[in-house]
Amino acid sequence: PQVVEKRNARERKRVQTVNGAFVRLRKFIPYENRHKRLSKVKTLRKAIEYIDHLQAMLGQDFEGSSTA
């Protein structure tokens, strides 16, 4: 029984850590309707879209400049 309690405590801690990471990630992702919380899947999808957008912006900046 004590082993199960320790295992459950570790799992609760892990879940809290993951949930905390999603809360932090949501703060950096621009999205409409900030009053409604994004699901984890939607948060990841929005993060991917945002990263793609930022990479495209950087790519445009670097294409116009020469590195030689």
Protein backbone atom coordinates (compact mmCIF):
# COMPACT_ATOMS: atom_id res chain seq x y z
CA PRO A 1 0.00 0.00 0.00
CA GLN A 2 2.81 2.47 0.80
CA VAL A 3 4.46 1.76 -2.56
CA VAL A 4 1.19 2.55 -4.34
CA GLU A 5 0.87 5.82 -2.39
CA LYS A 6 4.39 6.86 -3.41
CA ARG A 7 3.70 5.96 -7.03
CA ASN A 8 0.46 7.94 -6.98
CA ALA A 9 2.24 10.91 -5.41
CA ARG A 10 4.91 10.82 -8.14
CA GLU A 11 2.23 10.67 -10.82
CA ARG A 12 0.34 13.61 -9.27
CA LYS A 13 3.57 15.61 -9.21
CA ARG A 14 4.29 14.72 -12.84
CA VAL A 15 0.79 15.75 -13.92
CA GLN A 16 1.10 19.03 -11.99
CA THR A 17 4.42 19.73 -13.69
CA VAL A 18 2.98 19.06 -17.15
CA ASN A 19 -0.09 21.20 -16.43
CA GLY A 20 2.13 24.01 -15.17
CA ALA A 21 4.17 23.86 -18.36
CA PHE A 22 0.99 24.19 -20.43
CA VAL A 23 -0.08 27.22 -18.38
CA ARG A 24 3.29 28.85 -19.08
CA LEU A 25 3.13 27.95 -22.78
CA ARG A 26 -0.35 29.47 -23.15
CA LYS A 27 1.02 32.81 -21.92
CA PHE A 28 3.35 33.04 -24.92
CA ILE A 29 0.94 31.95 -27.64
CA PRO A 30 -1.24 34.62 -29.23
CA TYR A 31 -4.84 33.48 -29.65
CA GLU A 32 -8.30 34.98 -29.65
CA ASN A 33 -10.68 34.75 -26.71
CA ARG A 34 -8.22 34.70 -23.85
CA HIS A 35 -11.16 34.19 -21.50
CA LYS A 36 -11.58 30.61 -22.69
CA ARG A 37 -8.80 28.15 -21.83
CA LEU A 38 -7.26 26.23 -24.72
CA SER A 39 -7.09 22.46 -24.48
CA LYS A 40 -3.67 20.86 -24.39
CA VAL A 41 -4.00 19.67 -28.00
CA LYS A 42 -5.09 23.11 -29.21
CA THR A 43 -2.29 24.72 -27.21
CA LEU A 44 0.27 22.50 -28.95
CA ARG A 45 -1.26 23.18 -32.37
CA LYS A 46 -1.26 26.95 -31.76
CA ALA A 47 2.35 26.75 -30.54
CA ILE A 48 3.36 24.95 -33.75
CA GLU A 49 1.54 27.56 -35.85
CA TYR A 50 3.20 30.38 -33.93
CA ILE A 51 6.67 28.85 -34.26
CA ASP A 52 6.10 28.35 -38.00
CA HIS A 53 5.00 31.99 -38.26
CA LEU A 54 8.09 33.23 -36.39
CA GLN A 55 10.37 31.05 -38.53
CA ALA A 56 8.76 32.45 -41.68
CA MET A 57 9.32 35.99 -40.43
CA LEU A 58 12.96 35.25 -39.66
CA GLY A 59 13.41 33.50 -42.99
CA GLN A 60 12.14 36.57 -44.82
CA ASP A 61 14.57 38.79 -42.93
CA PHE A 62 17.53 36.52 -43.63
CA GLU A 63 16.72 36.08 -47.33
CA GLY A 64 17.17 39.79 -47.94
CA SER A 65 20.53 40.06 -46.20
CA SER A 66 23.87 38.69 -47.31
CA THR A 67 26.11 36.77 -44.94
CA ALA A 68 29.23 36.90 -47.10
